[in-house]
Amino acid sequence: MISYMELNEQNHRITELSNVLSYLINERSMCDTEVSCELFFRYVDLVKEHLETEERELYQLLLMDDDNDARNTGRKFLSGSGEIKRVFGQYLKRWCKGKELRIRDHEAFIRDTREIFALVIRRIDDEIVHLYPTLLHNGYLPMKAQAA
């Protein structure tokens, strides 16, 4: 099972990449560099992995809990995850082809990308404030990774 520390590390890496990419995308010529593309798709993969890990390992625990508040938290986050995946998928369909960025309108790309970053950061904030405390309180989330 994933730990609180591992989830926080994922969130930190996602936040760090979104901050770096926010600066890089401002300059049109930077969007086409191999380094920027590598960082961009690392961000995409980390966000997808984070959402999938939470769905696979956390929500089901809350959905089966006896506590109504825990079940509601599980439903809320599962629903939100589906919506983020839908919006994220539309964004990727518009701006990417395979592992390449396809930017025809730089200003629109910046606007859409900033919206995606904000959506993901709001989600991370909600996890920290609502999801993780519920999981910790109910004993579903170990603080540290357990030795193999």
Protein backbone atom coordinates (compact mmCIF):
# COMPACT_ATOMS: atom_id res chain seq x y z
CA MET A 1 0.00 0.00 0.00
CA ILE A 2 1.16 3.52 -0.74
CA SER A 3 2.09 5.68 2.23
CA TYR A 4 1.32 9.25 3.21
CA MET A 5 4.96 10.18 2.58
CA GLU A 6 4.89 8.65 -0.91
CA LEU A 7 1.69 10.51 -1.80
CA ASN A 8 3.21 13.76 -0.59
CA GLU A 9 6.33 13.07 -2.66
CA GLN A 10 4.17 12.50 -5.77
CA ASN A 11 2.33 15.76 -5.08
CA HIS A 12 5.61 17.60 -4.60
CA ARG A 13 7.02 16.33 -7.92
CA ILE A 14 3.80 17.24 -9.77
CA THR A 15 3.77 20.72 -8.25
CA GLU A 16 7.45 21.28 -8.97
CA LEU A 17 7.05 20.27 -12.63
CA SER A 18 3.99 22.47 -13.09
CA ASN A 19 5.93 25.43 -11.66
CA VAL A 20 8.89 24.86 -13.98
CA LEU A 21 6.68 24.27 -17.01
CA SER A 22 4.69 27.43 -16.26
CA TYR A 23 7.84 29.42 -16.96
CA LEU A 24 9.00 27.40 -19.95
CA ILE A 25 5.74 27.58 -21.90
CA ASN A 26 5.72 31.38 -21.87
CA GLU A 27 8.43 31.41 -24.52
CA ARG A 28 7.08 29.89 -27.74
CA SER A 29 10.46 28.57 -28.88
CA MET A 30 10.89 26.68 -25.59
CA CYS A 31 7.72 24.68 -26.20
CA ASP A 32 9.36 22.85 -29.09
CA THR A 33 12.54 21.81 -27.30
CA GLU A 34 13.21 18.19 -26.45
CA VAL A 35 13.82 19.08 -22.80
CA SER A 36 10.50 20.93 -22.45
CA CYS A 37 8.63 18.09 -24.12
CA GLU A 38 10.32 15.54 -21.85
CA LEU A 39 9.34 17.57 -18.76
CA PHE A 40 5.82 18.09 -20.06
CA PHE A 41 5.20 14.37 -20.64
CA ARG A 42 6.85 13.51 -17.33
CA TYR A 43 4.25 15.82 -15.74
CA VAL A 44 1.44 14.12 -17.70
CA ASP A 45 2.64 10.66 -16.64
CA LEU A 46 3.00 11.68 -12.98
CA VAL A 47 -0.52 13.12 -12.84
CA LYS A 48 -2.00 10.01 -14.46
CA GLU A 49 -0.01 7.71 -12.18
CA HIS A 50 -1.04 9.66 -9.08
CA LEU A 51 -4.75 9.53 -9.94
CA GLU A 52 -4.59 5.83 -10.83
CA THR A 53 -2.72 4.98 -7.62
CA GLU A 54 -5.32 6.75 -5.51
CA GLU A 55 -8.17 5.05 -7.35
CA ARG A 56 -6.56 1.63 -7.05
CA GLU A 57 -5.39 1.87 -3.44
CA LEU A 58 -7.44 4.43 -1.52
CA TYR A 59 -10.99 5.16 -2.61
CA GLN A 60 -12.32 1.63 -2.26
CA LEU A 61 -11.23 1.62 1.39
CA LEU A 62 -13.30 4.71 2.08
CA LEU A 63 -16.28 3.56 0.02
CA MET A 64 -16.56 0.42 2.16
CA ASP A 65 -16.07 2.20 5.50
CA ASP A 66 -18.84 2.14 8.12
CA ASP A 67 -18.50 5.90 8.62
CA ASN A 68 -20.80 7.93 6.35
CA ASP A 69 -18.36 10.87 6.22
CA ALA A 70 -15.56 8.56 5.05
CA ARG A 71 -17.82 7.06 2.35
CA ASN A 72 -18.81 10.56 1.19
CA THR A 73 -15.15 11.57 1.00
CA GLY A 74 -14.41 8.45 -1.06
CA ARG A 75 -17.31 9.18 -3.45
CA LYS A 76 -16.30 12.83 -3.81
CA PHE A 77 -12.70 12.04 -4.65
CA LEU A 78 -13.57 9.15 -6.98
CA SER A 79 -16.00 11.39 -8.87
CA GLY A 80 -13.48 14.23 -8.98
CA SER A 81 -10.81 11.88 -10.29
CA GLY A 82 -13.05 10.87 -13.16
CA GLU A 83 -13.73 14.49 -14.03
CA ILE A 84 -10.06 15.43 -13.92
CA LYS A 85 -9.21 12.48 -16.18
CA ARG A 86 -11.91 13.58 -18.63
CA VAL A 87 -10.70 17.21 -18.74
CA PHE A 88 -7.06 16.11 -18.86
CA GLY A 89 -7.83 13.74 -21.73
CA GLN A 90 -9.54 16.49 -23.73
CA TYR A 91 -6.58 18.79 -23.10
CA LEU A 92 -4.09 16.15 -24.29
CA LYS A 93 -6.19 15.38 -27.34
CA ARG A 94 -6.16 19.05 -28.30
CA TRP A 95 -2.46 19.74 -27.74
CA CYS A 96 -0.62 16.44 -28.20
CA LYS A 97 -0.11 13.74 -30.76
CA GLY A 98 1.55 10.75 -29.21
CA LYS A 99 4.48 12.09 -27.19
CA GLU A 100 4.71 15.33 -29.16
CA LEU A 101 3.20 18.72 -28.51
CA ARG A 102 1.19 20.22 -31.37
CA ILE A 103 0.93 23.93 -30.67
CA ARG A 104 -0.75 26.01 -33.35
CA ASP A 105 -2.06 28.80 -31.11
CA HIS A 106 0.52 29.57 -28.44
CA GLU A 107 -1.71 31.90 -26.42
CA ALA A 108 -4.50 29.31 -26.28
CA PHE A 109 -1.97 26.65 -25.29
CA ILE A 110 -0.70 28.81 -22.42
CA ARG A 111 -4.25 29.52 -21.23
CA ASP A 112 -5.33 25.86 -21.41
CA THR A 113 -2.13 24.64 -19.78
CA ARG A 114 -2.44 27.10 -16.90
CA GLU A 115 -6.03 25.93 -16.38
CA ILE A 116 -4.88 22.29 -16.23
CA PHE A 117 -2.10 23.16 -13.80
CA ALA A 118 -4.58 25.06 -11.59
CA LEU A 119 -7.04 22.15 -11.70
CA VAL A 120 -4.39 19.67 -10.61
CA ILE A 121 -3.02 21.97 -7.89
CA ARG A 122 -6.56 22.49 -6.50
CA ARG A 123 -6.95 18.72 -6.44
CA ILE A 124 -3.66 18.29 -4.59
CA ASP A 125 -4.74 20.91 -2.05
CA ASP A 126 -8.06 19.08 -1.54
CA GLU A 127 -6.20 15.80 -1.02
CA ILE A 128 -3.98 17.35 1.63
CA VAL A 129 -6.87 19.03 3.46
CA HIS A 130 -9.62 16.39 3.13
CA LEU A 131 -8.56 13.02 1.70
CA TYR A 132 -5.32 12.22 3.51
CA PRO A 133 -6.57 13.25 6.98
CA THR A 134 -9.63 11.02 6.52
CA LEU A 135 -7.48 8.09 5.44
CA LEU A 136 -5.04 8.65 8.31
CA HIS A 137 -7.83 9.03 10.88
CA ASN A 138 -9.49 5.80 9.76
CA GLY A 139 -6.20 3.89 9.78
CA TYR A 140 -6.02 3.27 6.02
CA LEU A 141 -2.88 5.22 5.23
CA PRO A 142 0.50 4.38 6.78
CA MET A 143 2.75 7.38 7.36
CA LYS A 144 5.83 5.73 5.81
CA ALA A 145 6.42 3.00 3.28
CA GLN A 146 6.62 -0.38 4.92
CA ALA A 147 9.80 -2.40 4.52
CA ALA A 148 9.57 -5.21 2.00
